[in-house]
C-alpha cells in the first residue's frame, strides 16, 4: 500500500516573514525507510504505518543552489510528518525542527510500485 515512488507538494506560510511558499519533490518509501529530494535538498529517514495513519521523521540535507531562508539557511535539519493515507494519496501536516521552526501541509501522490 505505501511502498513505492511518490511525488509530493507542500506549502507553508510564515506570518513573521509575510511570505507563503510552495515546494515539490519525490519520495521513495520502502520497509520503513524514506528517501527523496528536490532541486536543493535530499531527504532520508524513517516512517511507521498503523492502519491508515503514517508518522515519519527524516533529515533534509542541502546539496545545491541557495539555501532556503525559511529553513534558517541550514545545511541540515529534521522534518516530522503525520497524517492519513487514502491510496493513492497522503494528506500530511508537518513541522521543521523540534521545537517547530516552521509548520506546513503536504499532499503526496503514489506514482509507482517497487
Protein backbone atom coordinates (compact mmCIF):
# COMPACT_ATOMS: atom_id res chain seq x y z
CA UNK A 1 0.00 0.00 0.00
CA UNK A 2 2.75 2.51 0.83
CA UNK A 3 5.97 1.09 -0.59
CA UNK A 4 6.87 2.71 -3.89
CA UNK A 5 7.51 6.03 -5.60
CA UNK A 6 5.53 9.09 -4.51
CA UNK A 7 5.53 12.73 -5.59
CA UNK A 8 4.83 15.45 -3.07
CA UNK A 9 3.70 19.05 -3.00
CA UNK A 10 3.79 21.20 0.12
CA UNK A 11 3.01 24.71 1.22
CA UNK A 12 3.79 26.78 4.25
CA UNK A 13 3.15 30.25 5.49
CA UNK A 14 5.35 32.46 7.64
CA UNK A 15 3.46 35.36 9.13
CA UNK A 16 6.71 36.70 10.60
CA UNK A 17 8.32 36.90 7.14
CA UNK A 18 4.98 37.72 5.45
CA UNK A 19 5.55 35.05 2.82
CA UNK A 20 3.80 31.96 1.50
CA UNK A 21 5.85 29.29 -0.26
CA UNK A 22 5.26 26.10 -2.22
CA UNK A 23 7.56 23.22 -2.97
CA UNK A 24 7.62 19.82 -4.65
CA UNK A 25 9.76 16.71 -4.63
CA UNK A 26 9.88 12.93 -4.93
CA UNK A 27 9.86 10.27 -2.22
CA UNK A 28 10.68 6.58 -2.19
CA UNK A 29 9.13 4.51 0.62
CA UNK A 30 10.49 1.04 1.36
CA UNK A 31 10.46 -1.16 4.50
CA UNK A 32 10.11 1.68 6.97
CA UNK A 33 12.61 3.97 5.23
CA UNK A 34 12.07 7.16 3.20
CA UNK A 35 14.43 8.58 0.58
CA UNK A 36 13.81 11.55 -1.67
CA UNK A 37 14.70 15.02 -2.73
CA UNK A 38 14.06 18.17 -4.68
CA UNK A 39 16.23 20.65 -6.59
CA UNK A 40 18.16 21.79 -3.49
CA UNK A 41 17.81 19.17 -0.75
CA UNK A 42 17.81 15.40 -0.37
CA UNK A 43 15.90 13.55 2.34
CA UNK A 44 16.34 10.32 4.28
CA UNK A 45 14.56 8.95 7.31
CA UNK A 46 12.00 6.53 8.70
CA UNK A 47 8.25 6.06 8.70
CA UNK A 48 5.71 4.00 10.62
CA UNK A 49 2.32 2.98 9.28
CA UNK A 50 -0.51 1.95 11.61
CA UNK A 51 -3.60 1.13 9.62
CA UNK A 52 -4.20 4.29 7.55
CA UNK A 53 -2.10 6.63 9.74
CA UNK A 54 1.51 7.45 8.92
CA UNK A 55 4.15 9.16 11.03
CA UNK A 56 7.58 10.00 9.66
CA UNK A 57 10.79 11.71 10.68
CA UNK A 58 13.53 12.49 8.22
CA UNK A 59 16.56 14.67 7.72
CA UNK A 60 16.88 17.20 4.92
CA UNK A 61 20.40 17.95 3.66
CA UNK A 62 21.34 20.84 1.35
CA UNK A 63 23.38 19.88 -1.73
CA UNK A 64 22.79 22.52 -4.46
CA UNK A 65 21.81 26.13 -5.06
CA UNK A 66 20.77 28.65 -2.46
CA UNK A 67 19.67 27.53 0.98
CA UNK A 68 16.07 28.30 1.87
CA UNK A 69 15.67 31.27 4.17
CA UNK A 70 12.55 29.71 5.71
CA UNK A 71 14.67 26.73 6.77
CA UNK A 72 17.01 29.09 8.57
CA UNK A 73 19.58 28.78 5.77
CA UNK A 74 20.52 25.43 7.31
CA UNK A 75 22.66 22.80 5.63
CA UNK A 76 20.75 20.10 7.52
CA UNK A 77 17.64 19.77 9.69
CA UNK A 78 14.83 17.49 10.77
CA UNK A 79 11.26 17.23 9.47
CA UNK A 80 8.39 15.45 11.25
CA UNK A 81 5.19 14.49 9.41
CA UNK A 82 1.94 12.74 10.26
CA UNK A 83 -1.36 12.18 8.55
CA UNK A 84 -3.72 9.88 6.71
CA UNK A 85 -3.06 7.53 3.82
CA UNK A 86 -6.01 7.15 1.45
CA UNK A 87 -4.40 5.40 -1.51
CA UNK A 88 -3.22 6.75 -3.84
CA UNK A 89 -2.81 9.89 -1.69
CA UNK A 90 -1.45 11.04 1.65
CA UNK A 91 -2.51 14.27 3.35
CA UNK A 92 0.06 15.29 5.93
CA UNK A 93 0.86 18.01 8.42
CA UNK A 94 4.46 18.62 9.30
CA UNK A 95 6.96 20.70 11.15
CA UNK A 96 10.60 21.56 10.70
CA UNK A 97 12.72 21.36 13.83
CA UNK A 98 11.95 20.50 17.41
CA UNK A 99 10.59 22.74 18.74
CA UNK A 100 8.88 23.70 15.48
CA UNK A 101 10.59 26.43 13.47
CA UNK A 102 8.02 26.13 10.69
CA UNK A 103 4.77 24.21 10.14
CA UNK A 104 3.45 23.11 6.74
CA UNK A 105 0.92 20.98 4.85
CA UNK A 106 1.75 18.34 2.26
CA UNK A 107 -0.03 16.12 -0.23
CA UNK A 108 1.73 13.08 -1.64
CA UNK A 109 0.53 11.00 -4.61
CA UNK A 110 1.65 7.44 -5.29
CA UNK A 111 3.22 7.10 -8.73
CA UNK A 112 4.60 3.57 -8.92
CA UNK A 113 5.40 0.22 -7.37
CA UNK A 114 8.77 -1.07 -6.31
